[in-house]
N, C-alpha and C. Protein backbone atom coordinates (compact mmCIF):
# COMPACT_ATOMS: atom_id res chain seq x y z
N MET A 1 7.10 -17.73 23.23
CA MET A 1 7.80 -18.99 23.10
C MET A 1 8.75 -19.11 24.28
N SER A 2 8.79 -20.26 24.85
CA SER A 2 9.62 -20.45 26.05
C SER A 2 11.10 -20.52 25.67
N SER A 3 11.94 -20.24 26.65
CA SER A 3 13.39 -20.27 26.41
C SER A 3 13.86 -21.70 26.12
N ALA A 4 13.19 -22.70 26.66
CA ALA A 4 13.56 -24.09 26.39
C ALA A 4 13.34 -24.43 24.92
N ILE A 5 12.22 -23.97 24.39
CA ILE A 5 11.93 -24.22 22.97
C ILE A 5 12.93 -23.49 22.09
N LEU A 6 13.22 -22.23 22.44
CA LEU A 6 14.20 -21.47 21.68
C LEU A 6 15.58 -22.13 21.71
N GLU A 7 15.97 -22.63 22.86
CA GLU A 7 17.26 -23.31 22.98
C GLU A 7 17.29 -24.55 22.11
N LYS A 8 16.21 -25.30 22.07
CA LYS A 8 16.13 -26.50 21.23
C LYS A 8 16.24 -26.12 19.76
N ILE A 9 15.56 -25.06 19.36
CA ILE A 9 15.64 -24.59 17.98
C ILE A 9 17.08 -24.21 17.64
N MET A 10 17.73 -23.48 18.53
CA MET A 10 19.11 -23.04 18.29
C MET A 10 20.04 -24.25 18.17
N GLN A 11 19.83 -25.27 18.97
CA GLN A 11 20.65 -26.48 18.88
C GLN A 11 20.49 -27.12 17.50
N GLU A 12 19.26 -27.18 17.04
CA GLU A 12 19.00 -27.77 15.72
C GLU A 12 19.63 -26.93 14.61
N VAL A 13 19.52 -25.63 14.73
CA VAL A 13 20.08 -24.73 13.71
C VAL A 13 21.60 -24.87 13.66
N ARG A 14 22.25 -24.98 14.79
CA ARG A 14 23.71 -25.13 14.83
C ARG A 14 24.18 -26.40 14.12
N MET A 15 23.33 -27.38 14.01
CA MET A 15 23.70 -28.64 13.37
C MET A 15 23.48 -28.61 11.85
N LEU A 16 22.90 -27.54 11.32
CA LEU A 16 22.64 -27.46 9.88
C LEU A 16 23.93 -27.20 9.11
N SER A 17 23.96 -27.73 7.89
CA SER A 17 25.10 -27.48 6.99
C SER A 17 24.98 -26.05 6.44
N PRO A 18 26.05 -25.53 5.86
CA PRO A 18 25.97 -24.19 5.26
C PRO A 18 24.85 -24.09 4.22
N GLU A 19 24.68 -25.12 3.42
CA GLU A 19 23.62 -25.12 2.41
C GLU A 19 22.23 -25.10 3.09
N GLU A 20 22.07 -25.89 4.12
CA GLU A 20 20.79 -25.92 4.84
C GLU A 20 20.53 -24.58 5.53
N LEU A 21 21.58 -23.95 6.04
CA LEU A 21 21.43 -22.62 6.65
C LEU A 21 20.97 -21.60 5.61
N ARG A 22 21.56 -21.67 4.41
CA ARG A 22 21.17 -20.76 3.34
C ARG A 22 19.69 -20.96 2.98
N GLU A 23 19.28 -22.22 2.85
CA GLU A 23 17.88 -22.52 2.53
C GLU A 23 16.95 -22.02 3.63
N LEU A 24 17.35 -22.21 4.89
CA LEU A 24 16.54 -21.73 6.01
C LEU A 24 16.40 -20.23 5.95
N ARG A 25 17.50 -19.53 5.69
CA ARG A 25 17.48 -18.06 5.60
C ARG A 25 16.54 -17.61 4.49
N GLU A 26 16.61 -18.27 3.34
CA GLU A 26 15.73 -17.93 2.22
C GLU A 26 14.26 -18.15 2.59
N MET A 27 13.98 -19.24 3.28
CA MET A 27 12.60 -19.52 3.71
C MET A 27 12.11 -18.45 4.68
N ILE A 28 12.96 -18.08 5.61
CA ILE A 28 12.59 -17.05 6.59
C ILE A 28 12.36 -15.71 5.89
N ASP A 29 13.24 -15.38 4.95
CA ASP A 29 13.09 -14.13 4.20
C ASP A 29 11.80 -14.11 3.40
N ARG A 30 11.48 -15.23 2.74
CA ARG A 30 10.23 -15.30 1.96
C ARG A 30 9.01 -15.12 2.87
N GLU A 31 9.05 -15.78 4.01
CA GLU A 31 7.94 -15.69 4.96
C GLU A 31 7.78 -14.26 5.47
N ALA A 32 8.89 -13.62 5.80
CA ALA A 32 8.84 -12.24 6.29
C ALA A 32 8.31 -11.31 5.21
N SER A 33 8.75 -11.52 3.99
CA SER A 33 8.29 -10.71 2.87
C SER A 33 6.79 -10.90 2.64
N SER A 34 6.34 -12.13 2.73
CA SER A 34 4.93 -12.44 2.55
C SER A 34 4.08 -11.77 3.63
N GLN A 35 4.54 -11.84 4.87
CA GLN A 35 3.80 -11.22 5.97
C GLN A 35 3.77 -9.70 5.81
N GLU A 36 4.88 -9.12 5.36
CA GLU A 36 4.93 -7.66 5.14
C GLU A 36 3.94 -7.27 4.05
N GLN A 37 3.86 -8.05 2.98
CA GLN A 37 2.92 -7.77 1.89
C GLN A 37 1.48 -7.81 2.41
N VAL A 38 1.17 -8.80 3.25
CA VAL A 38 -0.18 -8.90 3.82
C VAL A 38 -0.48 -7.67 4.67
N ARG A 39 0.49 -7.22 5.47
CA ARG A 39 0.29 -6.02 6.30
C ARG A 39 0.06 -4.79 5.43
N ARG A 40 0.84 -4.64 4.37
CA ARG A 40 0.67 -3.48 3.47
C ARG A 40 -0.71 -3.49 2.83
N GLU A 41 -1.13 -4.66 2.35
CA GLU A 41 -2.44 -4.76 1.72
C GLU A 41 -3.55 -4.42 2.70
N GLU A 42 -3.42 -4.84 3.94
CA GLU A 42 -4.43 -4.52 4.95
C GLU A 42 -4.46 -3.02 5.23
N ILE A 43 -3.32 -2.40 5.32
CA ILE A 43 -3.25 -0.95 5.54
C ILE A 43 -3.89 -0.22 4.37
N LEU A 44 -3.58 -0.62 3.15
CA LEU A 44 -4.17 0.02 1.97
C LEU A 44 -5.68 -0.16 1.95
N ARG A 45 -6.15 -1.34 2.30
CA ARG A 45 -7.59 -1.61 2.33
C ARG A 45 -8.28 -0.69 3.35
N ARG A 46 -7.66 -0.52 4.50
CA ARG A 46 -8.24 0.36 5.53
C ARG A 46 -8.27 1.80 5.06
N ILE A 47 -7.18 2.25 4.44
CA ILE A 47 -7.12 3.64 3.96
C ILE A 47 -8.16 3.87 2.89
N ARG A 48 -8.26 2.94 1.94
CA ARG A 48 -9.25 3.09 0.87
C ARG A 48 -10.66 3.17 1.45
N GLY A 49 -10.93 2.36 2.45
CA GLY A 49 -12.26 2.39 3.07
C GLY A 49 -12.51 3.68 3.81
N LYS A 50 -11.51 4.13 4.54
CA LYS A 50 -11.67 5.34 5.35
C LYS A 50 -11.90 6.57 4.49
N TYR A 51 -11.22 6.64 3.35
CA TYR A 51 -11.29 7.84 2.50
C TYR A 51 -12.05 7.60 1.20
N ALA A 52 -12.84 6.55 1.13
CA ALA A 52 -13.54 6.20 -0.11
C ALA A 52 -14.49 7.31 -0.57
N HIS A 53 -15.05 8.06 0.36
CA HIS A 53 -16.01 9.10 0.00
C HIS A 53 -15.36 10.36 -0.55
N LEU A 54 -14.05 10.50 -0.41
CA LEU A 54 -13.35 11.68 -0.87
C LEU A 54 -12.95 11.53 -2.34
N PRO A 55 -13.07 12.59 -3.12
CA PRO A 55 -12.63 12.49 -4.51
C PRO A 55 -11.11 12.43 -4.58
N THR A 56 -10.62 11.83 -5.63
CA THR A 56 -9.18 11.80 -5.81
C THR A 56 -8.72 13.17 -6.30
N SER A 57 -7.44 13.42 -6.25
CA SER A 57 -6.93 14.71 -6.71
C SER A 57 -7.26 14.91 -8.19
N GLY A 58 -7.24 13.84 -8.98
CA GLY A 58 -7.60 13.93 -10.39
C GLY A 58 -9.05 14.32 -10.58
N GLU A 59 -9.92 13.75 -9.75
CA GLU A 59 -11.35 14.10 -9.81
C GLU A 59 -11.56 15.56 -9.42
N GLU A 60 -10.85 15.99 -8.39
CA GLU A 60 -10.97 17.38 -7.95
C GLU A 60 -10.50 18.33 -9.05
N PHE A 61 -9.40 18.00 -9.70
CA PHE A 61 -8.87 18.83 -10.77
C PHE A 61 -9.87 18.92 -11.91
N ALA A 62 -10.42 17.77 -12.32
CA ALA A 62 -11.39 17.75 -13.42
C ALA A 62 -12.63 18.57 -13.07
N ALA A 63 -13.09 18.47 -11.83
CA ALA A 63 -14.26 19.25 -11.41
C ALA A 63 -13.96 20.74 -11.45
N ARG A 64 -12.79 21.14 -10.99
CA ARG A 64 -12.41 22.56 -11.04
C ARG A 64 -12.32 23.04 -12.48
N LYS A 65 -11.77 22.25 -13.36
CA LYS A 65 -11.64 22.63 -14.76
C LYS A 65 -13.03 22.78 -15.41
N ARG A 66 -13.94 21.85 -15.11
CA ARG A 66 -15.30 21.97 -15.66
C ARG A 66 -15.95 23.27 -15.20
N GLU A 67 -15.75 23.58 -13.93
CA GLU A 67 -16.30 24.81 -13.37
C GLU A 67 -15.70 26.04 -14.06
N GLU A 68 -14.40 26.04 -14.27
CA GLU A 68 -13.74 27.17 -14.94
C GLU A 68 -14.24 27.32 -16.37
N ILE A 69 -14.43 26.20 -17.07
CA ILE A 69 -14.93 26.25 -18.45
C ILE A 69 -16.33 26.82 -18.49
N GLU A 70 -17.18 26.41 -17.54
CA GLU A 70 -18.54 26.95 -17.49
C GLU A 70 -18.53 28.46 -17.25
N ILE A 71 -17.68 28.92 -16.37
CA ILE A 71 -17.58 30.36 -16.09
C ILE A 71 -17.13 31.10 -17.34
N GLU A 72 -16.11 30.58 -18.01
CA GLU A 72 -15.61 31.22 -19.24
C GLU A 72 -16.69 31.22 -20.33
N ASN A 73 -17.41 30.12 -20.45
CA ASN A 73 -18.47 30.04 -21.47
C ASN A 73 -19.55 31.08 -21.18
N ARG A 74 -19.92 31.25 -19.90
CA ARG A 74 -20.92 32.27 -19.56
C ARG A 74 -20.42 33.67 -19.87
N ARG A 75 -19.15 33.93 -19.54
CA ARG A 75 -18.57 35.25 -19.84
C ARG A 75 -18.56 35.51 -21.34
N PHE A 76 -18.17 34.50 -22.11
CA PHE A 76 -18.13 34.64 -23.56
C PHE A 76 -19.52 34.89 -24.11
N ALA A 77 -20.51 34.14 -23.60
CA ALA A 77 -21.89 34.31 -24.06
C ALA A 77 -22.41 35.68 -23.68
N ASP A 78 -22.08 36.18 -22.51
CA ASP A 78 -22.50 37.52 -22.07
C ASP A 78 -21.91 38.60 -22.99
N LYS A 79 -20.67 38.45 -23.38
CA LYS A 79 -20.01 39.42 -24.25
C LYS A 79 -20.65 39.41 -25.64
N GLU A 80 -21.02 38.25 -26.14
CA GLU A 80 -21.65 38.15 -27.45
C GLU A 80 -23.04 38.78 -27.44
N ASN A 81 -23.72 38.69 -26.33
CA ASN A 81 -25.09 39.21 -26.24
C ASN A 81 -25.12 40.73 -26.04
N GLN A 82 -23.99 41.33 -25.75
CA GLN A 82 -23.96 42.78 -25.53
C GLN A 82 -23.87 43.54 -26.79
């Protein structure tokens, strides 16, 4: 944005009433918050895509537990058969 445009914007802002300044600030804050949310969602979408093939920690835990149970069941069955 050129300095002439910025100067014109600043002139207009200086002429705003306190109430209009408050409303402008709220609008700017909402817009910034909205843009930040869009950036976060895009980052999350990229991460999910990049690591979609990896199991979650909960899935890994459940798989390890199933494996441990199978080992224990085999040991128990071996002891009963002796």
